[in-house]
Amino acid sequence: MANKKSIENRVYAAVVLHCEEMENKGQYKGNGHHLAQRLSSMVTVGLLSKQQRQIYDALTENQEGTSVKEISLATKIESRAVSAQLRAINSNTQLINFKKTKKDGKLKLWYKYKIQ
């Protein structure tokens, strides 16, 4: 069975190709590449486990950034488990990542859009 990264890459490439074809034919009035990026990130979120999805949802609620402790309180998952799941998301997904803010060290959601 293919791993999540290869599935993400194939889905992303197929969506980009289709959206750019629609854009070139005049069937889509917008940037097909941006649409493909949004759709592909939705597929990636759909591939997350239940616990990882809870963590992802907690991160999307706060655009300013959030700490592992705050995620733990919001999801009722232990801080160690939250940290482990964040590492798993970073290593198992191609399009979703987390960055720490320089100001206060809180985590912010970050999307990668490169195909490797």
PDB file of N, CA and C in Angstrom:
ATOM      1  N   MET A   1       0.844  -1.185   0.000  1.00  0.00           N
ATOM      2  CA  MET A   1       0.000   0.000   0.000  1.00  0.00           C
ATOM      3  C   MET A   1       0.888   1.247   0.000  1.00  0.00           C
ATOM      4  N   ALA A   2       0.497   2.245  -0.731  1.00  0.00           N
ATOM      5  CA  ALA A   2       1.251   3.492  -0.819  1.00  0.00           C
ATOM      6  C   ALA A   2       1.122   4.266   0.490  1.00  0.00           C
ATOM      7  N   ASN A   3       2.171   5.007   0.827  1.00  0.00           N
ATOM      8  CA  ASN A   3       2.093   5.801   2.051  1.00  0.00           C
ATOM      9  C   ASN A   3       1.355   7.106   1.776  1.00  0.00           C
ATOM     10  N   LYS A   4       1.066   7.852   2.857  1.00  0.00           N
ATOM     11  CA  LYS A   4       0.256   9.064   2.731  1.00  0.00           C
ATOM     12  C   LYS A   4       0.935  10.122   1.874  1.00  0.00           C
ATOM     13  N   LYS A   5       2.268  10.230   1.968  1.00  0.00           N
ATOM     14  CA  LYS A   5       2.968  11.244   1.183  1.00  0.00           C
ATOM     15  C   LYS A   5       2.822  10.991  -0.311  1.00  0.00           C
ATOM     16  N   SER A   6       2.941   9.743  -0.731  1.00  0.00           N
ATOM     17  CA  SER A   6       2.823   9.464  -2.160  1.00  0.00           C
ATOM     18  C   SER A   6       1.383   9.667  -2.638  1.00  0.00           C
ATOM     19  N   ILE A   7       0.406   9.350  -1.780  1.00  0.00           N
ATOM     20  CA  ILE A   7      -1.000   9.595  -2.129  1.00  0.00           C
ATOM     21  C   ILE A   7      -1.231  11.098  -2.278  1.00  0.00           C
ATOM     22  N   GLU A   8      -0.711  11.873  -1.325  1.00  0.00           N
ATOM     23  CA  GLU A   8      -0.848  13.326  -1.393  1.00  0.00           C
ATOM     24  C   GLU A   8      -0.229  13.873  -2.673  1.00  0.00           C
ATOM     25  N   ASN A   9       0.954  13.404  -3.011  1.00  0.00           N
ATOM     26  CA  ASN A   9       1.635  13.883  -4.212  1.00  0.00           C
ATOM     27  C   ASN A   9       0.826  13.582  -5.459  1.00  0.00           C
ATOM     28  N   ARG A  10       0.289  12.368  -5.554  1.00  0.00           N
ATOM     29  CA  ARG A  10      -0.500  12.001  -6.732  1.00  0.00           C
ATOM     30  C   ARG A  10      -1.785  12.815  -6.829  1.00  0.00           C
ATOM     31  N   VAL A  11      -2.462  12.977  -5.696  1.00  0.00           N
ATOM     32  CA  VAL A  11      -3.701  13.764  -5.681  1.00  0.00           C
ATOM     33  C   VAL A  11      -3.388  15.210  -6.044  1.00  0.00           C
ATOM     34  N   TYR A  12      -2.357  15.762  -5.444  1.00  0.00           N
ATOM     35  CA  TYR A  12      -1.980  17.151  -5.700  1.00  0.00           C
ATOM     36  C   TYR A  12      -1.650  17.360  -7.175  1.00  0.00           C
ATOM     37  N   ALA A  13      -0.851  16.484  -7.748  1.00  0.00           N
ATOM     38  CA  ALA A  13      -0.472  16.604  -9.158  1.00  0.00           C
ATOM     39  C   ALA A  13      -1.705  16.502 -10.070  1.00  0.00           C
ATOM     40  N   ALA A  14      -2.604  15.566  -9.767  1.00  0.00           N
ATOM     41  CA  ALA A  14      -3.803  15.389 -10.585  1.00  0.00           C
ATOM     42  C   ALA A  14      -4.726  16.601 -10.483  1.00  0.00           C
ATOM     43  N   VAL A  15      -4.899  17.137  -9.291  1.00  0.00           N
ATOM     44  CA  VAL A  15      -5.775  18.293  -9.095  1.00  0.00           C
ATOM     45  C   VAL A  15      -5.182  19.525  -9.776  1.00  0.00           C
ATOM     46  N   VAL A  16      -3.875  19.727  -9.639  1.00  0.00           N
ATOM     47  CA  VAL A  16      -3.219  20.866 -10.288  1.00  0.00           C
ATOM     48  C   VAL A  16      -3.401  20.777 -11.800  1.00  0.00           C
ATOM     49  N   LEU A  17      -3.161  19.610 -12.364  1.00  0.00           N
ATOM     50  CA  LEU A  17      -3.299  19.418 -13.800  1.00  0.00           C
ATOM     51  C   LEU A  17      -4.727  19.719 -14.262  1.00  0.00           C
ATOM     52  N   HIS A  18      -5.701  19.175 -13.560  1.00  0.00           N
ATOM     53  CA  HIS A  18      -7.105  19.377 -13.936  1.00  0.00           C
ATOM     54  C   HIS A  18      -7.498  20.850 -13.820  1.00  0.00           C
ATOM     55  N   CYS A  19      -7.126  21.497 -12.728  1.00  0.00           N
ATOM     56  CA  CYS A  19      -7.500  22.900 -12.527  1.00  0.00           C
ATOM     57  C   CYS A  19      -6.831  23.805 -13.552  1.00  0.00           C
ATOM     58  N   GLU A  20      -5.574  23.530 -13.886  1.00  0.00           N
ATOM     59  CA  GLU A  20      -4.892  24.334 -14.891  1.00  0.00           C
ATOM     60  C   GLU A  20      -5.495  24.111 -16.274  1.00  0.00           C
ATOM     61  N   GLU A  21      -5.929  22.886 -16.573  1.00  0.00           N
ATOM     62  CA  GLU A  21      -6.609  22.619 -17.844  1.00  0.00           C
ATOM     63  C   GLU A  21      -7.924  23.398 -17.918  1.00  0.00           C
ATOM     64  N   MET A  22      -8.684  23.400 -16.813  1.00  0.00           N
ATOM     65  CA  MET A  22      -9.943  24.151 -16.773  1.00  0.00           C
ATOM     66  C   MET A  22      -9.679  25.639 -16.954  1.00  0.00           C
ATOM     67  N   GLU A  23      -8.637  26.137 -16.301  1.00  0.00           N
ATOM     68  CA  GLU A  23      -8.294  27.550 -16.401  1.00  0.00           C
ATOM     69  C   GLU A  23      -7.911  27.908 -17.840  1.00  0.00           C
ATOM     70  N   ASN A  24      -7.121  27.055 -18.489  1.00  0.00           N
ATOM     71  CA  ASN A  24      -6.686  27.303 -19.869  1.00  0.00           C
ATOM     72  C   ASN A  24      -7.848  27.254 -20.853  1.00  0.00           C
ATOM     73  N   LYS A  25      -8.835  26.406 -20.608  1.00  0.00           N
ATOM     74  CA  LYS A  25     -10.001  26.300 -21.487  1.00  0.00           C
ATOM     75  C   LYS A  25     -11.026  27.400 -21.218  1.00  0.00           C
ATOM     76  N   GLY A  26     -10.813  28.171 -20.157  1.00  0.00           N
ATOM     77  CA  GLY A  26     -11.750  29.235 -19.811  1.00  0.00           C
ATOM     78  C   GLY A  26     -12.928  28.753 -18.995  1.00  0.00           C
ATOM     79  N   GLN A  27     -12.882  27.515 -18.515  1.00  0.00           N
ATOM     80  CA  GLN A  27     -13.983  26.974 -17.722  1.00  0.00           C
ATOM     81  C   GLN A  27     -13.900  27.405 -16.256  1.00  0.00           C
ATOM     82  N   TYR A  28     -12.745  27.896 -15.841  1.00  0.00           N
ATOM     83  CA  TYR A  28     -12.567  28.343 -14.453  1.00  0.00           C
ATOM     84  C   TYR A  28     -11.972  29.736 -14.489  1.00  0.00           C
ATOM     85  N   LYS A  29     -12.650  30.686 -13.882  1.00  0.00           N
ATOM     86  CA  LYS A  29     -12.196  32.077 -13.869  1.00  0.00           C
ATOM     87  C   LYS A  29     -11.502  32.361 -12.546  1.00  0.00           C
ATOM     88  N   GLY A  30     -10.292  31.983 -12.454  1.00  0.00           N
ATOM     89  CA  GLY A  30      -9.510  32.200 -11.251  1.00  0.00           C
ATOM     90  C   GLY A  30      -8.158  31.553 -11.432  1.00  0.00           C
ATOM     91  N   ASN A  31      -7.435  31.431 -10.359  1.00  0.00           N
ATOM     92  CA  ASN A  31      -6.132  30.796 -10.415  1.00  0.00           C
ATOM     93  C   ASN A  31      -6.308  29.315 -10.099  1.00  0.00           C
ATOM     94  N   GLY A  32      -6.170  28.472 -11.115  1.00  0.00           N
ATOM     95  CA  GLY A  32      -6.355  27.034 -10.941  1.00  0.00           C
ATOM     96  C   GLY A  32      -5.364  26.425  -9.975  1.00  0.00           C
ATOM     97  N   HIS A  33      -4.158  26.981  -9.934  1.00  0.00           N
ATOM     98  CA  HIS A  33      -3.131  26.446  -9.042  1.00  0.00           C
ATOM     99  C   HIS A  33      -3.515  26.679  -7.581  1.00  0.00           C
ATOM    100  N   HIS A  34      -4.062  27.862  -7.270  1.00  0.00           N
ATOM    101  CA  HIS A  34      -4.478  28.139  -5.898  1.00  0.00           C
ATOM    102  C   HIS A  34      -5.644  27.246  -5.480  1.00  0.00           C
ATOM    103  N   LEU A  35      -6.576  27.032  -6.387  1.00  0.00           N
ATOM    104  CA  LEU A  35      -7.689  26.132  -6.102  1.00  0.00           C
ATOM    105  C   LEU A  35      -7.171  24.722  -5.833  1.00  0.00           C
ATOM    106  N   ALA A  36      -6.222  24.277  -6.641  1.00  0.00           N
ATOM    107  CA  ALA A  36      -5.641  22.950  -6.466  1.00  0.00           C
ATOM    108  C   ALA A  36      -4.958  22.819  -5.108  1.00  0.00           C
ATOM    109  N   GLN A  37      -4.283  23.871  -4.682  1.00  0.00           N
ATOM    110  CA  GLN A  37      -3.618  23.837  -3.380  1.00  0.00           C
ATOM    111  C   GLN A  37      -4.626  23.691  -2.246  1.00  0.00           C
ATOM    112  N   ARG A  38      -5.710  24.445  -2.312  1.00  0.00           N
ATOM    113  CA  ARG A  38      -6.739  24.349  -1.262  1.00  0.00           C
ATOM    114  C   ARG A  38      -7.388  22.969  -1.244  1.00  0.00           C
ATOM    115  N   LEU A  39      -7.719  22.443  -2.424  1.00  0.00           N
ATOM    116  CA  LEU A  39      -8.349  21.124  -2.492  1.00  0.00           C
ATOM    117  C   LEU A  39      -7.411  20.029  -2.005  1.00  0.00           C
ATOM    118  N   SER A  40      -6.145  20.125  -2.364  1.00  0.00           N
ATOM    119  CA  SER A  40      -5.174  19.114  -1.949  1.00  0.00           C
ATOM    120  C   SER A  40      -4.957  19.132  -0.444  1.00  0.00           C
ATOM    121  N   SER A  41      -4.949  20.332   0.152  1.00  0.00           N
ATOM    122  CA  SER A  41      -4.792  20.386   1.608  1.00  0.00           C
ATOM    123  C   SER A  41      -6.009  19.793   2.303  1.00  0.00           C
ATOM    124  N   MET A  42      -7.188  19.907   1.690  1.00  0.00           N
ATOM    125  CA  MET A  42      -8.386  19.278   2.256  1.00  0.00           C
ATOM    126  C   MET A  42      -8.276  17.753   2.211  1.00  0.00           C
ATOM    127  N   VAL A  43      -7.700  17.217   1.152  1.00  0.00           N
ATOM    128  CA  VAL A  43      -7.480  15.767   1.055  1.00  0.00           C
ATOM    129  C   VAL A  43      -6.505  15.325   2.143  1.00  0.00           C
ATOM    130  N   THR A  44      -5.449  16.101   2.339  1.00  0.00           N
ATOM    131  CA  THR A  44      -4.459  15.777   3.370  1.00  0.00           C
ATOM    132  C   THR A  44      -5.106  15.729   4.745  1.00  0.00           C
ATOM    133  N   VAL A  45      -5.947  16.695   5.049  1.00  0.00           N
ATOM    134  CA  VAL A  45      -6.640  16.725   6.340  1.00  0.00           C
ATOM    135  C   VAL A  45      -7.533  15.495   6.474  1.00  0.00           C
ATOM    136  N   GLY A  46      -8.147  15.081   5.385  1.00  0.00           N
ATOM    137  CA  GLY A  46      -8.991  13.892   5.407  1.00  0.00           C
ATOM    138  C   GLY A  46      -8.230  12.610   5.690  1.00  0.00           C
ATOM    139  N   LEU A  47      -6.924  12.611   5.426  1.00  0.00           N
ATOM    140  CA  LEU A  47      -6.099  11.427   5.675  1.00  0.00           C
ATOM    141  C   LEU A  47      -5.585  11.348   7.116  1.00  0.00           C
ATOM    142  N   LEU A  48      -5.807  12.383   7.906  1.00  0.00           N
ATOM    143  CA  LEU A  48      -5.335  12.390   9.293  1.00  0.00           C
ATOM    144  C   LEU A  48      -6.168  11.444  10.151  1.00  0.00           C
ATOM    145  N   SER A  49      -5.524  10.901  11.192  1.00  0.00           N
ATOM    146  CA  SER A  49      -6.258  10.062  12.146  1.00  0.00           C
ATOM    147  C   SER A  49      -7.185  10.945  12.981  1.00  0.00           C
ATOM    148  N   LYS A  50      -8.063  10.321  13.763  1.00  0.00           N
ATOM    149  CA  LYS A  50      -9.035  11.070  14.570  1.00  0.00           C
ATOM    150  C   LYS A  50      -8.335  12.023  15.538  1.00  0.00           C
ATOM    151  N   GLN A  51      -7.310  11.536  16.230  1.00  0.00           N
ATOM    152  CA  GLN A  51      -6.587  12.349  17.199  1.00  0.00           C
ATOM    153  C   GLN A  51      -5.832  13.492  16.495  1.00  0.00           C
ATOM    154  N   GLN A  52      -5.221  13.187  15.357  1.00  0.00           N
ATOM    155  CA  GLN A  52      -4.510  14.216  14.607  1.00  0.00           C
ATOM    156  C   GLN A  52      -5.483  15.269  14.079  1.00  0.00           C
ATOM    157  N   ARG A  53      -6.667  14.847  13.688  1.00  0.00           N
ATOM    158  CA  ARG A  53      -7.678  15.781  13.195  1.00  0.00           C
ATOM    159  C   ARG A  53      -8.131  16.721  14.307  1.00  0.00           C
ATOM    160  N   GLN A  54      -8.276  16.203  15.531  1.00  0.00           N
ATOM    161  CA  GLN A  54      -8.637  17.056  16.664  1.00  0.00           C
ATOM    162  C   GLN A  54      -7.567  18.127  16.887  1.00  0.00           C
ATOM    163  N   ILE A  55      -6.310  17.728  16.798  1.00  0.00           N
ATOM    164  CA  ILE A  55      -5.200  18.667  16.979  1.00  0.00           C
ATOM    165  C   ILE A  55      -5.197  19.697  15.852  1.00  0.00           C
ATOM    166  N   TYR A  56      -5.397  19.235  14.624  1.00  0.00           N
ATOM    167  CA  TYR A  56      -5.459  20.137  13.472  1.00  0.00           C
ATOM    168  C   TYR A  56      -6.588  21.158  13.653  1.00  0.00           C
ATOM    169  N   ASP A  57      -7.759  20.686  14.081  1.00  0.00           N
ATOM    170  CA  ASP A  57      -8.898  21.576  14.297  1.00  0.00           C
ATOM    171  C   ASP A  57      -8.601  22.622  15.374  1.00  0.00           C
ATOM    172  N   ALA A  58      -7.915  22.198  16.437  1.00  0.00           N
ATOM    173  CA  ALA A  58      -7.545  23.137  17.500  1.00  0.00           C
ATOM    174  C   ALA A  58      -6.582  24.196  16.971  1.00  0.00           C
ATOM    175  N   LEU A  59      -5.692  23.817  16.073  1.00  0.00           N
ATOM    176  CA  LEU A  59      -4.757  24.780  15.495  1.00  0.00           C
ATOM    177  C   LEU A  59      -5.448  25.744  14.530  1.00  0.00           C
ATOM    178  N   THR A  60      -6.442  25.270  13.818  1.00  0.00           N
ATOM    179  CA  THR A  60      -7.121  26.146  12.862  1.00  0.00           C
ATOM    180  C   THR A  60      -8.027  27.165  13.550  1.00  0.00           C
ATOM    181  N   GLU A  61      -8.427  26.882  14.772  1.00  0.00           N
ATOM    182  CA  GLU A  61      -9.299  27.809  15.494  1.00  0.00           C
ATOM    183  C   GLU A  61      -8.569  29.079  15.905  1.00  0.00           C
ATOM    184  N   ASN A  62      -7.259  29.004  16.114  1.00  0.00           N
ATOM    185  CA  ASN A  62      -6.494  30.149  16.578  1.00  0.00           C
ATOM    186  C   ASN A  62      -5.439  30.514  15.537  1.00  0.00           C
ATOM    187  N   GLN A  63      -5.683  31.574  14.781  1.00  0.00           N
ATOM    188  CA  GLN A  63      -4.771  31.992  13.718  1.00  0.00           C
ATOM    189  C   GLN A  63      -3.498  32.629  14.261  1.00  0.00           C
ATOM    190  N   GLU A  64      -3.514  33.104  15.493  1.00  0.00           N
ATOM    191  CA  GLU A  64      -2.347  33.759  16.085  1.00  0.00           C
ATOM    192  C   GLU A  64      -1.300  32.764  16.569  1.00  0.00           C
ATOM    193  N   GLY A  65      -1.673  31.515  16.660  1.00  0.00           N
ATOM    194  CA  GLY A  65      -0.765  30.491  17.180  1.00  0.00           C
ATOM    195  C   GLY A  65      -1.256  29.976  18.516  1.00  0.00           C
ATOM    196  N   THR A  66      -0.856  28.778  18.850  1.00  0.00           N
ATOM    197  CA  THR A  66      -1.288  28.160  20.100  1.00  0.00           C
ATOM    198  C   THR A  66      -0.175  27.263  20.619  1.00  0.00           C
ATOM    199  N   SER A  67      -0.158  27.028  21.901  1.00  0.00           N
ATOM    200  CA  SER A  67       0.863  26.177  22.502  1.00  0.00           C
ATOM    201  C   SER A  67       0.362  24.741  22.589  1.00  0.00           C
ATOM    202  N   VAL A  68       1.285  23.831  22.827  1.00  0.00           N
ATOM    203  CA  VAL A  68       0.925  22.423  22.996  1.00  0.00           C
ATOM    204  C   VAL A  68      -0.004  22.276  24.200  1.00  0.00           C
ATOM    205  N   LYS A  69       0.252  23.048  25.245  1.00  0.00           N
ATOM    206  CA  LYS A  69      -0.589  22.984  26.444  1.00  0.00           C
ATOM    207  C   LYS A  69      -2.018  23.418  26.125  1.00  0.00           C
ATOM    208  N   GLU A  70      -2.169  24.488  25.340  1.00  0.00           N
ATOM    209  CA  GLU A  70      -3.502  24.955  24.959  1.00  0.00           C
ATOM    210  C   GLU A  70      -4.226  23.934  24.085  1.00  0.00           C
ATOM    211  N   ILE A  71      -3.480  23.294  23.184  1.00  0.00           N
ATOM    212  CA  ILE A  71      -4.075  22.232  22.354  1.00  0.00           C
ATOM    213  C   ILE A  71      -4.512  21.080  23.236  1.00  0.00           C
ATOM    214  N   SER A  72      -3.678  20.743  24.212  1.00  0.00           N
ATOM    215  CA  SER A  72      -3.986  19.657  25.139  1.00  0.00           C
ATOM    216  C   SER A  72      -5.275  19.933  25.910  1.00  0.00           C
ATOM    217  N   LEU A  73      -5.429  21.155  26.372  1.00  0.00           N
ATOM    218  CA  LEU A  73      -6.644  21.527  27.102  1.00  0.00           C
ATOM    219  C   LEU A  73      -7.874  21.509  26.202  1.00  0.00           C
ATOM    220  N   ALA A  74      -7.715  21.980  24.965  1.00  0.00           N
ATOM    221  CA  ALA A  74      -8.856  22.042  24.044  1.00  0.00           C
ATOM    222  C   ALA A  74      -9.304  20.663  23.580  1.00  0.00           C
ATOM    223  N   THR A  75      -8.348  19.744  23.423  1.00  0.00           N
ATOM    224  CA  THR A  75      -8.674  18.421  22.870  1.00  0.00           C
ATOM    225  C   THR A  75      -8.794  17.335  23.929  1.00  0.00           C
ATOM    226  N   LYS A  76      -8.382  17.661  25.167  1.00  0.00           N
ATOM    227  CA  LYS A  76      -8.370  16.686  26.269  1.00  0.00           C
ATOM    228  C   LYS A  76      -7.442  15.498  25.961  1.00  0.00           C
ATOM    229  N   ILE A  77      -6.341  15.801  25.276  1.00  0.00           N
ATOM    230  CA  ILE A  77      -5.298  14.815  24.981  1.00  0.00           C
ATOM    231  C   ILE A  77      -4.056  15.258  25.750  1.00  0.00           C
ATOM    232  N   GLU A  78      -3.322  14.312  26.330  1.00  0.00           N
ATOM    233  CA  GLU A  78      -2.121  14.648  27.092  1.00  0.00           C
ATOM    234  C   GLU A  78      -1.128  15.419  26.233  1.00  0.00           C
ATOM    235  N   SER A  79      -0.370  16.321  26.871  1.00  0.00           N
ATOM    236  CA  SER A  79       0.611  17.141  26.154  1.00  0.00           C
ATOM    237  C   SER A  79       1.641  16.292  25.422  1.00  0.00           C
ATOM    238  N   ARG A  80       2.088  15.212  26.062  1.00  0.00           N
ATOM    239  CA  ARG A  80       3.074  14.336  25.400  1.00  0.00           C
ATOM    240  C   ARG A  80       2.496  13.707  24.149  1.00  0.00           C
ATOM    241  N   ALA A  81       1.231  13.312  24.219  1.00  0.00           N
ATOM    242  CA  ALA A  81       0.571  12.714  23.056  1.00  0.00           C
ATOM    243  C   ALA A  81       0.371  13.756  21.952  1.00  0.00           C
ATOM    244  N   VAL A  82       0.056  14.996  22.335  1.00  0.00           N
ATOM    245  CA  VAL A  82      -0.096  16.067  21.352  1.00  0.00           C
ATOM    246  C   VAL A  82       1.233  16.291  20.628  1.00  0.00           C
ATOM    247  N   SER A  83       2.321  16.378  21.392  1.00  0.00           N
ATOM    248  CA  SER A  83       3.644  16.569  20.786  1.00  0.00           C
ATOM    249  C   SER A  83       3.994  15.420  19.847  1.00  0.00           C
ATOM    250  N   ALA A  84       3.696  14.197  20.273  1.00  0.00           N
ATOM    251  CA  ALA A  84       3.983  13.025  19.439  1.00  0.00           C
ATOM    252  C   ALA A  84       3.147  13.056  18.152  1.00  0.00           C
ATOM    253  N   GLN A  85       1.884  13.433  18.265  1.00  0.00           N
ATOM    254  CA  GLN A  85       1.020  13.494  17.087  1.00  0.00           C
ATOM    255  C   GLN A  85       1.451  14.614  16.132  1.00  0.00           C
ATOM    256  N   LEU A  86       1.919  15.733  16.686  1.00  0.00           N
ATOM    257  CA  LEU A  86       2.427  16.816  15.835  1.00  0.00           C
ATOM    258  C   LEU A  86       3.649  16.355  15.047  1.00  0.00           C
ATOM    259  N   ARG A  87       4.541  15.612  15.717  1.00  0.00           N
ATOM    260  CA  ARG A  87       5.712  15.062  15.014  1.00  0.00           C
ATOM    261  C   ARG A  87       5.268  14.082  13.937  1.00  0.00           C
ATOM    262  N   ALA A  88       4.252  13.270  14.241  1.00  0.00           N
ATOM    263  CA  ALA A  88       3.745  12.300  13.264  1.00  0.00           C
ATOM    264  C   ALA A  88       3.130  13.009  12.057  1.00  0.00           C
ATOM    265  N   ILE A  89       2.390  14.073  12.307  1.00  0.00           N
ATOM    266  CA  ILE A  89       1.801  14.832  11.201  1.00  0.00           C
ATOM    267  C   ILE A  89       2.902  15.407  10.320  1.00  0.00           C
ATOM    268  N   ASN A  90       3.933  15.971  10.943  1.00  0.00           N
ATOM    269  CA  ASN A  90       5.041  16.539  10.172  1.00  0.00           C
ATOM    270  C   ASN A  90       5.759  15.497   9.338  1.00  0.00           C
ATOM    271  N   SER A  91       5.934  14.313   9.878  1.00  0.00           N
ATOM    272  CA  SER A  91       6.691  13.292   9.146  1.00  0.00           C
ATOM    273  C   SER A  91       5.826  12.502   8.161  1.00  0.00           C
ATOM    274  N   ASN A  92       4.517  12.414   8.410  1.00  0.00           N
ATOM    275  CA  ASN A  92       3.653  11.584   7.567  1.00  0.00           C
ATOM    276  C   ASN A  92       2.887  12.342   6.497  1.00  0.00           C
ATOM    277  N   THR A  93       2.866  13.651   6.560  1.00  0.00           N
ATOM    278  CA  THR A  93       2.127  14.408   5.550  1.00  0.00           C
ATOM    279  C   THR A  93       3.085  15.281   4.759  1.00  0.00           C
ATOM    280  N   GLN A  94       2.707  15.547   3.555  1.00  0.00           N
ATOM    281  CA  GLN A  94       3.529  16.350   2.661  1.00  0.00           C
ATOM    282  C   GLN A  94       3.118  17.818   2.665  1.00  0.00           C
ATOM    283  N   LEU A  95       1.854  18.095   2.879  1.00  0.00           N
ATOM    284  CA  LEU A  95       1.346  19.448   2.673  1.00  0.00           C
ATOM    285  C   LEU A  95       1.072  20.241   3.944  1.00  0.00           C
ATOM    286  N   ILE A  96       0.988  19.583   5.096  1.00  0.00           N
ATOM    287  CA  ILE A  96       0.689  20.281   6.347  1.00  0.00           C
ATOM    288  C   ILE A  96       1.928  20.262   7.233  1.00  0.00           C
ATOM    289  N   ASN A  97       2.219  21.405   7.830  1.00  0.00           N
ATOM    290  CA  ASN A  97       3.345  21.496   8.741  1.00  0.00           C
ATOM    291  C   ASN A  97       2.994  22.521   9.814  1.00  0.00           C
ATOM    292  N   PHE A  98       3.832  22.633  10.799  1.00  0.00           N
ATOM    293  CA  PHE A  98       3.642  23.582  11.883  1.00  0.00           C
ATOM    294  C   PHE A  98       4.932  24.340  12.087  1.00  0.00           C
ATOM    295  N   LYS A  99       4.819  25.630  12.327  1.00  0.00           N
ATOM    296  CA  LYS A  99       5.982  26.458  12.612  1.00  0.00           C
ATOM    297  C   LYS A  99       5.764  27.141  13.943  1.00  0.00           C
ATOM    298  N   LYS A 100       6.871  27.348  14.662  1.00  0.00           N
ATOM    299  CA  LYS A 100       6.791  28.099  15.910  1.00  0.00           C
ATOM    300  C   LYS A 100       7.002  29.572  15.602  1.00  0.00           C
ATOM    301  N   THR A 101       6.191  30.416  16.227  1.00  0.00           N
ATOM    302  CA  THR A 101       6.356  31.852  16.040  1.00  0.00           C
ATOM    303  C   THR A 101       7.602  32.306  16.792  1.00  0.00           C
ATOM    304  N   LYS A 102       8.296  33.272  16.231  1.00  0.00           N
ATOM    305  CA  LYS A 102       9.513  33.775  16.878  1.00  0.00           C
ATOM    306  C   LYS A 102       9.193  34.572  18.131  1.00  0.00           C
ATOM    307  N   LYS A 103       8.049  35.231  18.111  1.00  0.00           N
ATOM    308  CA  LYS A 103       7.673  36.116  19.207  1.00  0.00           C
ATOM    309  C   LYS A 103       7.458  35.366  20.521  1.00  0.00           C
ATOM    310  N   ASP A 104       6.623  34.351  20.499  1.00  0.00           N
ATOM    311  CA  ASP A 104       6.277  33.666  21.746  1.00  0.00           C
ATOM    312  C   ASP A 104       6.393  32.141  21.680  1.00  0.00           C
ATOM    313  N   GLY A 105       6.888  31.606  20.578  1.00  0.00           N
ATOM    314  CA  GLY A 105       7.107  30.171  20.470  1.00  0.00           C
ATOM    315  C   GLY A 105       5.848  29.336  20.301  1.00  0.00           C
ATOM    316  N   LYS A 106       4.736  29.966  19.945  1.00  0.00           N
ATOM    317  CA  LYS A 106       3.496  29.213  19.749  1.00  0.00           C
ATOM    318  C   LYS A 106       3.469  28.598  18.358  1.00  0.00           C
ATOM    319  N   LEU A 107       2.713  27.530  18.229  1.00  0.00           N
ATOM    320  CA  LEU A 107       2.614  26.817  16.957  1.00  0.00           C
ATOM    321  C   LEU A 107       1.583  27.467  16.050  1.00  0.00           C
ATOM    322  N   LYS A 108       1.937  27.568  14.757  1.00  0.00           N
ATOM    323  CA  LYS A 108       1.002  28.068  13.743  1.00  0.00           C
ATOM    324  C   LYS A 108       0.950  27.048  12.621  1.00  0.00           C
ATOM    325  N   LEU A 109      -0.207  26.922  12.037  1.00  0.00           N
ATOM    326  CA  LEU A 109      -0.410  26.017  10.918  1.00  0.00           C
ATOM    327  C   LEU A 109       0.258  26.599   9.673  1.00  0.00           C
ATOM    328  N   TRP A 110       0.902  25.734   8.891  1.00  0.00           N
ATOM    329  CA  TRP A 110       1.599  26.170   7.694  1.00  0.00           C
ATOM    330  C   TRP A 110       1.398  25.111   6.626  1.00  0.00           C
ATOM    331  N   TYR A 111       1.064  25.521   5.419  1.00  0.00           N
ATOM    332  CA  TYR A 111       0.848  24.594   4.320  1.00  0.00           C
ATOM    333  C   TYR A 111       2.036  24.629   3.369  1.00  0.00           C
ATOM    334  N   LYS A 112       2.520  23.469   2.992  1.00  0.00           N
ATOM    335  CA  LYS A 112       3.579  23.345   1.995  1.00  0.00           C
ATOM    336  C   LYS A 112       2.933  22.956   0.683  1.00  0.00           C
ATOM    337  N   TYR A 113       3.363  23.542  -0.399  1.00  0.00           N
ATOM    338  CA  TYR A 113       2.757  23.237  -1.685  1.00  0.00           C
ATOM    339  C   TYR A 113       3.761  22.765  -2.714  1.00  0.00           C
ATOM    340  N   LYS A 114       4.804  22.120  -2.297  1.00  0.00           N
ATOM    341  CA  LYS A 114       5.796  21.602  -3.236  1.00  0.00           C
ATOM    342  C   LYS A 114       5.604  20.104  -3.397  1.00  0.00           C
ATOM    343  N   ILE A 115       5.744  19.636  -4.596  1.00  0.00           N
ATOM    344  CA  ILE A 115       5.693  18.210  -4.844  1.00  0.00           C
ATOM    345  C   ILE A 115       7.133  17.707  -4.884  1.00  0.00           C
ATOM    346  N   GLN A 116       7.414  16.695  -4.099  1.00  0.00           N
ATOM    347  CA  GLN A 116       8.772  16.130  -4.078  1.00  0.00           C
ATOM    348  C   GLN A 116       8.771  14.757  -4.658  1.00  0.00           C
TER     349      GLN A 116
END
